[in-house]
Amino acid sequence: MKEIEGTSTTFRWLREHGVAVGVESGFPAVVTHDIVKYLGWVESNLIDYWTCSEIVDEERPSPAMIRRTMRHCHIRDPAEVVKVDDTAIGIEEGHNAKAHTVAVLTGTQRREKLEAAKPDVILLSVRELPEYITSKRLI
């Protein structure tokens, strides 16, 4: 198992710029925990929080995982949230939370499927997130 190229670098950039980083997954809690632990994101202080649909007891497109992460990170305004996902249902989740949505093409879903979910932007990879955030003055 390996992370999508550029993920840790992007997380590091976000943290250096004062952005809270949350990771969410549709996998069961034990699997999500093992992935996050294996990748060393918590130990490296690259993420503030992780959660999964099993923990919130709701599946996407419910915004429950985003709302839980917002509470943990003391964020009240969903307009301050950038939801990054490689699935259409994840983008729909972001819309339901009233967050800014960013689709990335590093997953299994094709551009057309992601476009149909109407994200605010589609990026080739999470590596492009810092440049996008800077250009849109999201922080």
N, C-alpha and C. Protein backbone atom coordinates (compact mmCIF):
# COMPACT_ATOMS: atom_id res chain seq x y z
N MET A 1 0.85 -1.17 0.00
CA MET A 1 0.00 0.00 0.00
C MET A 1 0.89 1.24 0.00
N LYS A 2 0.51 2.22 -0.82
CA LYS A 2 1.23 3.48 -0.82
C LYS A 2 0.23 4.61 -1.04
N GLU A 3 0.62 5.78 -0.58
CA GLU A 3 -0.27 6.92 -0.73
C GLU A 3 -0.22 7.45 -2.16
N ILE A 4 -1.26 8.21 -2.51
CA ILE A 4 -1.27 8.90 -3.79
C ILE A 4 -0.08 9.87 -3.77
N GLU A 5 0.68 9.88 -4.84
CA GLU A 5 1.88 10.72 -4.90
C GLU A 5 1.54 12.18 -4.60
N GLY A 6 2.30 12.76 -3.70
CA GLY A 6 2.13 14.16 -3.35
C GLY A 6 1.21 14.42 -2.18
N THR A 7 0.58 13.40 -1.64
CA THR A 7 -0.38 13.61 -0.55
C THR A 7 0.31 14.16 0.70
N SER A 8 1.36 13.52 1.16
CA SER A 8 2.05 14.00 2.37
C SER A 8 2.61 15.40 2.17
N THR A 9 3.14 15.66 1.00
CA THR A 9 3.68 17.00 0.71
C THR A 9 2.56 18.04 0.77
N THR A 10 1.41 17.72 0.22
CA THR A 10 0.27 18.63 0.26
C THR A 10 -0.23 18.81 1.69
N PHE A 11 -0.34 17.72 2.45
CA PHE A 11 -0.74 17.83 3.85
C PHE A 11 0.24 18.73 4.61
N ARG A 12 1.52 18.54 4.38
CA ARG A 12 2.54 19.35 5.06
C ARG A 12 2.36 20.83 4.70
N TRP A 13 2.15 21.13 3.44
CA TRP A 13 1.93 22.52 3.00
C TRP A 13 0.71 23.10 3.70
N LEU A 14 -0.38 22.34 3.73
CA LEU A 14 -1.60 22.82 4.38
C LEU A 14 -1.35 23.12 5.85
N ARG A 15 -0.69 22.20 6.55
CA ARG A 15 -0.41 22.40 7.98
C ARG A 15 0.49 23.61 8.20
N GLU A 16 1.49 23.80 7.33
CA GLU A 16 2.39 24.95 7.44
C GLU A 16 1.66 26.27 7.21
N HIS A 17 0.52 26.20 6.53
CA HIS A 17 -0.27 27.40 6.26
C HIS A 17 -1.48 27.50 7.20
N GLY A 18 -1.44 26.75 8.29
CA GLY A 18 -2.47 26.86 9.32
C GLY A 18 -3.80 26.22 9.00
N VAL A 19 -3.80 25.31 8.04
CA VAL A 19 -5.04 24.65 7.64
C VAL A 19 -5.16 23.32 8.37
N ALA A 20 -6.30 23.10 9.02
CA ALA A 20 -6.58 21.81 9.65
C ALA A 20 -6.83 20.78 8.55
N VAL A 21 -6.31 19.58 8.74
CA VAL A 21 -6.44 18.52 7.74
C VAL A 21 -7.19 17.35 8.35
N GLY A 22 -8.29 16.97 7.73
CA GLY A 22 -9.06 15.81 8.15
C GLY A 22 -9.14 14.81 7.01
N VAL A 23 -9.11 13.54 7.37
CA VAL A 23 -9.21 12.46 6.39
C VAL A 23 -10.46 11.65 6.75
N GLU A 24 -11.23 11.32 5.72
CA GLU A 24 -12.41 10.49 5.95
C GLU A 24 -12.45 9.36 4.95
N SER A 25 -13.15 8.30 5.33
CA SER A 25 -13.19 7.11 4.49
C SER A 25 -14.52 6.39 4.63
N GLY A 26 -14.87 5.68 3.58
CA GLY A 26 -16.03 4.80 3.62
C GLY A 26 -15.66 3.41 4.12
N PHE A 27 -14.37 3.17 4.34
CA PHE A 27 -13.93 1.87 4.87
C PHE A 27 -14.32 1.74 6.35
N PRO A 28 -14.39 0.52 6.86
CA PRO A 28 -14.64 0.33 8.29
C PRO A 28 -13.55 1.00 9.13
N ALA A 29 -13.87 1.30 10.39
CA ALA A 29 -12.94 2.02 11.28
C ALA A 29 -11.60 1.32 11.41
N VAL A 30 -11.59 0.00 11.57
CA VAL A 30 -10.32 -0.71 11.75
C VAL A 30 -9.44 -0.59 10.51
N VAL A 31 -10.04 -0.63 9.34
CA VAL A 31 -9.28 -0.50 8.09
C VAL A 31 -8.76 0.93 7.94
N THR A 32 -9.62 1.91 8.19
CA THR A 32 -9.21 3.30 8.08
C THR A 32 -8.07 3.59 9.06
N HIS A 33 -8.22 3.12 10.30
CA HIS A 33 -7.16 3.30 11.31
C HIS A 33 -5.85 2.71 10.82
N ASP A 34 -5.90 1.50 10.30
CA ASP A 34 -4.68 0.82 9.85
C ASP A 34 -4.03 1.55 8.67
N ILE A 35 -4.84 2.08 7.77
CA ILE A 35 -4.29 2.83 6.62
C ILE A 35 -3.60 4.09 7.11
N VAL A 36 -4.28 4.86 7.95
CA VAL A 36 -3.72 6.11 8.46
C VAL A 36 -2.45 5.83 9.26
N LYS A 37 -2.47 4.77 10.06
CA LYS A 37 -1.30 4.41 10.86
C LYS A 37 -0.14 3.98 9.95
N TYR A 38 -0.42 3.14 8.98
CA TYR A 38 0.61 2.65 8.06
C TYR A 38 1.27 3.81 7.32
N LEU A 39 0.47 4.79 6.91
CA LEU A 39 1.00 5.93 6.17
C LEU A 39 1.70 6.94 7.08
N GLY A 40 1.52 6.80 8.39
CA GLY A 40 2.23 7.64 9.35
C GLY A 40 1.76 9.08 9.41
N TRP A 41 0.55 9.34 8.97
CA TRP A 41 0.07 10.72 8.91
C TRP A 41 -0.13 11.34 10.28
N VAL A 42 -0.66 10.58 11.25
CA VAL A 42 -0.87 11.12 12.60
C VAL A 42 0.48 11.33 13.28
N GLU A 43 1.33 10.31 13.23
CA GLU A 43 2.64 10.38 13.87
C GLU A 43 3.51 11.49 13.30
N SER A 44 3.33 11.79 12.03
CA SER A 44 4.09 12.87 11.37
C SER A 44 3.41 14.23 11.51
N ASN A 45 2.30 14.26 12.24
CA ASN A 45 1.55 15.49 12.45
C ASN A 45 1.08 16.11 11.13
N LEU A 46 0.70 15.26 10.18
CA LEU A 46 0.23 15.74 8.89
C LEU A 46 -1.29 15.89 8.83
N ILE A 47 -1.99 15.21 9.75
CA ILE A 47 -3.44 15.35 9.81
C ILE A 47 -3.86 15.65 11.23
N ASP A 48 -4.98 16.34 11.33
CA ASP A 48 -5.54 16.66 12.65
C ASP A 48 -6.52 15.60 13.12
N TYR A 49 -7.15 14.94 12.16
CA TYR A 49 -8.25 14.05 12.54
C TYR A 49 -8.57 13.11 11.39
N TRP A 50 -9.08 11.94 11.73
CA TRP A 50 -9.61 11.05 10.72
C TRP A 50 -10.91 10.46 11.24
N THR A 51 -11.80 10.13 10.33
CA THR A 51 -13.05 9.48 10.69
C THR A 51 -13.51 8.63 9.52
N CYS A 52 -14.58 7.89 9.74
CA CYS A 52 -15.13 7.06 8.67
C CYS A 52 -16.63 6.92 8.86
N SER A 53 -17.29 6.42 7.84
CA SER A 53 -18.75 6.31 7.89
C SER A 53 -19.22 5.41 9.03
N GLU A 54 -18.43 4.40 9.37
CA GLU A 54 -18.81 3.51 10.48
C GLU A 54 -18.85 4.29 11.80
N ILE A 55 -17.93 5.19 12.00
CA ILE A 55 -17.88 5.97 13.24
C ILE A 55 -19.07 6.91 13.35
N VAL A 56 -19.44 7.56 12.27
CA VAL A 56 -20.56 8.50 12.31
C VAL A 56 -21.90 7.80 12.08
N ASP A 57 -21.85 6.54 11.71
CA ASP A 57 -23.03 5.72 11.47
C ASP A 57 -23.93 6.26 10.36
N GLU A 58 -23.28 6.91 9.38
CA GLU A 58 -23.99 7.38 8.19
C GLU A 58 -23.04 7.27 7.01
N GLU A 59 -23.60 6.96 5.86
CA GLU A 59 -22.79 6.85 4.65
C GLU A 59 -22.93 8.09 3.80
N ARG A 60 -21.97 8.28 2.92
CA ARG A 60 -22.06 9.35 1.94
C ARG A 60 -23.29 9.12 1.07
N PRO A 61 -23.97 10.12 0.67
CA PRO A 61 -23.59 11.52 0.64
C PRO A 61 -23.97 12.33 1.87
N SER A 62 -24.34 11.68 2.97
CA SER A 62 -24.58 12.43 4.20
C SER A 62 -23.33 13.23 4.56
N PRO A 63 -23.49 14.45 5.02
CA PRO A 63 -22.33 15.26 5.40
C PRO A 63 -21.84 14.98 6.82
N ALA A 64 -22.27 13.87 7.42
CA ALA A 64 -21.94 13.59 8.82
C ALA A 64 -20.43 13.52 9.09
N MET A 65 -19.65 12.92 8.18
CA MET A 65 -18.20 12.84 8.42
C MET A 65 -17.57 14.23 8.38
N ILE A 66 -18.00 15.07 7.44
CA ILE A 66 -17.47 16.43 7.37
C ILE A 66 -17.84 17.19 8.63
N ARG A 67 -19.07 17.08 9.05
CA ARG A 67 -19.52 17.80 10.25
C ARG A 67 -18.76 17.33 11.50
N ARG A 68 -18.50 16.04 11.60
CA ARG A 68 -17.74 15.52 12.75
C ARG A 68 -16.32 16.09 12.74
N THR A 69 -15.71 16.10 11.57
CA THR A 69 -14.36 16.65 11.45
C THR A 69 -14.36 18.15 11.77
N MET A 70 -15.37 18.86 11.31
CA MET A 70 -15.48 20.29 11.61
C MET A 70 -15.55 20.51 13.12
N ARG A 71 -16.36 19.72 13.80
CA ARG A 71 -16.47 19.87 15.26
C ARG A 71 -15.12 19.61 15.93
N HIS A 72 -14.45 18.55 15.50
CA HIS A 72 -13.16 18.21 16.09
C HIS A 72 -12.14 19.34 15.87
N CYS A 73 -12.19 19.97 14.73
CA CYS A 73 -11.22 21.02 14.38
C CYS A 73 -11.73 22.42 14.74
N HIS A 74 -12.87 22.50 15.43
CA HIS A 74 -13.44 23.77 15.88
C HIS A 74 -13.75 24.72 14.72
N ILE A 75 -14.31 24.17 13.66
CA ILE A 75 -14.72 24.95 12.50
C ILE A 75 -16.24 25.01 12.50
N ARG A 76 -16.78 26.21 12.48
CA ARG A 76 -18.24 26.36 12.51
C ARG A 76 -18.83 26.61 11.14
N ASP A 77 -18.09 27.30 10.29
CA ASP A 77 -18.61 27.72 9.00
C ASP A 77 -18.18 26.74 7.91
N PRO A 78 -19.12 26.02 7.30
CA PRO A 78 -18.75 25.07 6.25
C PRO A 78 -18.12 25.73 5.03
N ALA A 79 -18.31 27.04 4.88
CA ALA A 79 -17.68 27.75 3.77
C ALA A 79 -16.16 27.79 3.94
N GLU A 80 -15.66 27.48 5.13
CA GLU A 80 -14.22 27.42 5.39
C GLU A 80 -13.63 26.04 5.07
N VAL A 81 -14.49 25.12 4.64
CA VAL A 81 -14.07 23.74 4.38
C VAL A 81 -13.86 23.52 2.89
N VAL A 82 -12.76 22.87 2.56
CA VAL A 82 -12.51 22.42 1.20
C VAL A 82 -12.57 20.90 1.22
N LYS A 83 -13.56 20.34 0.58
CA LYS A 83 -13.75 18.90 0.51
C LYS A 83 -13.07 18.40 -0.76
N VAL A 84 -12.05 17.57 -0.60
CA VAL A 84 -11.32 17.00 -1.73
C VAL A 84 -11.69 15.53 -1.81
N ASP A 85 -12.07 15.07 -2.99
CA ASP A 85 -12.47 13.67 -3.13
C ASP A 85 -12.25 13.20 -4.56
N ASP A 86 -12.12 11.89 -4.70
CA ASP A 86 -11.95 11.32 -6.04
C ASP A 86 -13.18 10.54 -6.48
N THR A 87 -14.32 10.78 -5.79
CA THR A 87 -15.57 10.12 -6.16
C THR A 87 -16.70 11.13 -6.27
N ALA A 88 -17.65 10.84 -7.12
CA ALA A 88 -18.82 11.71 -7.28
C ALA A 88 -19.63 11.79 -6.00
N ILE A 89 -19.79 10.69 -5.30
CA ILE A 89 -20.57 10.70 -4.06
C ILE A 89 -19.86 11.50 -2.97
N GLY A 90 -18.54 11.52 -2.99
CA GLY A 90 -17.79 12.36 -2.06
C GLY A 90 -17.98 13.83 -2.35
N ILE A 91 -18.05 14.18 -3.63
CA ILE A 91 -18.32 15.57 -4.02
C ILE A 91 -19.75 15.94 -3.61
N GLU A 92 -20.68 15.03 -3.80
CA GLU A 92 -22.06 15.27 -3.36
C GLU A 92 -22.11 15.49 -1.84
N GLU A 93 -21.33 14.72 -1.11
CA GLU A 93 -21.22 14.90 0.35
C GLU A 93 -20.76 16.33 0.67
N GLY A 94 -19.76 16.80 -0.07
CA GLY A 94 -19.28 18.16 0.13
C GLY A 94 -20.35 19.19 -0.14
N HIS A 95 -21.11 19.00 -1.21
CA HIS A 95 -22.23 19.91 -1.51
C HIS A 95 -23.24 19.90 -0.37
N ASN A 96 -23.55 18.71 0.14
CA ASN A 96 -24.53 18.59 1.22
C ASN A 96 -24.05 19.28 2.50
N ALA A 97 -22.73 19.37 2.67
CA ALA A 97 -22.16 20.05 3.84
C ALA A 97 -22.02 21.55 3.59
N LYS A 98 -22.25 21.99 2.35
CA LYS A 98 -22.07 23.40 1.94
C LYS A 98 -20.60 23.79 1.93
N ALA A 99 -19.74 22.85 1.59
CA ALA A 99 -18.29 23.07 1.52
C ALA A 99 -17.88 23.37 0.08
N HIS A 100 -16.71 23.94 -0.08
CA HIS A 100 -16.09 24.11 -1.40
C HIS A 100 -15.64 22.71 -1.84
N THR A 101 -15.92 22.31 -3.07
CA THR A 101 -15.61 20.94 -3.49
C THR A 101 -14.54 20.90 -4.56
N VAL A 102 -13.59 19.98 -4.36
CA VAL A 102 -12.49 19.78 -5.30
C VAL A 102 -12.43 18.29 -5.64
N ALA A 103 -12.65 17.97 -6.90
CA ALA A 103 -12.52 16.59 -7.36
C ALA A 103 -11.09 16.39 -7.87
N VAL A 104 -10.55 15.21 -7.61
CA VAL A 104 -9.22 14.87 -8.12
C VAL A 104 -9.33 13.61 -8.96
N LEU A 105 -8.50 13.55 -10.00
CA LEU A 105 -8.56 12.45 -10.97
C LEU A 105 -7.60 11.30 -10.65
N THR A 106 -7.30 11.10 -9.38
CA THR A 106 -6.35 10.05 -9.00
C THR A 106 -7.05 8.78 -8.53
N GLY A 107 -8.37 8.77 -8.59
CA GLY A 107 -9.12 7.57 -8.20
C GLY A 107 -9.54 6.77 -9.40
N THR A 108 -10.59 6.00 -9.23
CA THR A 108 -11.04 5.10 -10.29
C THR A 108 -12.14 5.70 -11.16
N GLN A 109 -12.70 6.84 -10.74
CA GLN A 109 -13.81 7.42 -11.50
C GLN A 109 -13.30 8.35 -12.59
N ARG A 110 -13.96 8.27 -13.71
CA ARG A 110 -13.58 9.07 -14.88
C ARG A 110 -14.02 10.52 -14.70
N ARG A 111 -13.37 11.39 -15.44
CA ARG A 111 -13.67 12.82 -15.40
C ARG A 111 -15.16 13.09 -15.60
N GLU A 112 -15.79 12.40 -16.55
CA GLU A 112 -17.20 12.63 -16.86
C GLU A 112 -18.09 12.38 -15.63
N LYS A 113 -17.80 11.34 -14.90
CA LYS A 113 -18.59 11.02 -13.69
C LYS A 113 -18.39 12.11 -12.64
N LEU A 114 -17.15 12.55 -12.46
CA LEU A 114 -16.87 13.62 -11.50
C LEU A 114 -17.49 14.94 -11.94
N GLU A 115 -17.43 15.25 -13.23
CA GLU A 115 -18.04 16.47 -13.75
C GLU A 115 -19.54 16.50 -13.47
N ALA A 116 -20.18 15.34 -13.58
CA ALA A 116 -21.62 15.25 -13.34
C ALA A 116 -21.99 15.63 -11.90
N ALA A 117 -21.04 15.47 -10.98
CA ALA A 117 -21.28 15.83 -9.58
C ALA A 117 -21.12 17.33 -9.34
N LYS A 118 -20.64 18.06 -10.34
CA LYS A 118 -20.50 19.51 -10.32
C LYS A 118 -19.60 20.03 -9.19
N PRO A 119 -18.37 19.55 -9.13
CA PRO A 119 -17.44 20.12 -8.15
C PRO A 119 -17.09 21.56 -8.54
N ASP A 120 -16.56 22.30 -7.60
CA ASP A 120 -16.11 23.66 -7.91
C ASP A 120 -14.94 23.63 -8.88
N VAL A 121 -14.13 22.58 -8.81
CA VAL A 121 -12.99 22.42 -9.71
C VAL A 121 -12.61 20.95 -9.78
N ILE A 122 -11.99 20.55 -10.88
CA ILE A 122 -11.40 19.22 -11.01
C ILE A 122 -9.91 19.41 -11.22
N LEU A 123 -9.12 18.77 -10.37
CA LEU A 123 -7.66 18.82 -10.47
C LEU A 123 -7.15 17.45 -10.87
N LEU A 124 -6.00 17.42 -11.51
CA LEU A 124 -5.40 16.13 -11.88
C LEU A 124 -5.03 15.33 -10.64
N SER A 125 -4.56 16.01 -9.60
CA SER A 125 -4.06 15.33 -8.41
C SER A 125 -4.13 16.26 -7.21
N VAL A 126 -4.07 15.68 -6.04
CA VAL A 126 -4.01 16.45 -4.80
C VAL A 126 -2.74 17.32 -4.77
N ARG A 127 -1.74 16.96 -5.55
CA ARG A 127 -0.52 17.78 -5.64
C ARG A 127 -0.82 19.20 -6.10
N GLU A 128 -1.89 19.38 -6.86
CA GLU A 128 -2.24 20.70 -7.39
C GLU A 128 -3.03 21.54 -6.40
N LEU A 129 -3.39 20.97 -5.27
CA LEU A 129 -4.24 21.68 -4.30
C LEU A 129 -3.60 22.95 -3.76
N PRO A 130 -2.33 22.96 -3.34
CA PRO A 130 -1.76 24.21 -2.82
C PRO A 130 -1.84 25.37 -3.82
N GLU A 131 -1.51 25.10 -5.08
CA GLU A 131 -1.58 26.15 -6.09
C GLU A 131 -3.01 26.64 -6.27
N TYR A 132 -3.96 25.71 -6.28
CA TYR A 132 -5.37 26.08 -6.44
C TYR A 132 -5.83 26.93 -5.25
N ILE A 133 -5.54 26.48 -4.05
CA ILE A 133 -5.95 27.21 -2.84
C ILE A 133 -5.36 28.61 -2.84
N THR A 134 -4.10 28.72 -3.23
CA THR A 134 -3.45 30.02 -3.28
C THR A 134 -4.08 30.91 -4.35
N SER A 135 -4.33 30.36 -5.53
CA SER A 135 -4.89 31.16 -6.63
C SER A 135 -6.32 31.64 -6.33
N LYS A 136 -7.06 30.85 -5.57
CA LYS A 136 -8.45 31.22 -5.24
C LYS A 136 -8.55 31.94 -3.90
N ARG A 137 -7.39 32.13 -3.26
CA ARG A 137 -7.34 32.81 -1.96
C ARG A 137 -8.28 32.18 -0.95
N LEU A 138 -8.24 30.86 -0.88
CA LEU A 138 -9.10 30.13 0.05
C LEU A 138 -8.54 30.12 1.47
N ILE A 139 -7.27 30.52 1.59
CA ILE A 139 -6.70 30.68 2.95
C ILE A 139 -6.03 32.04 3.05
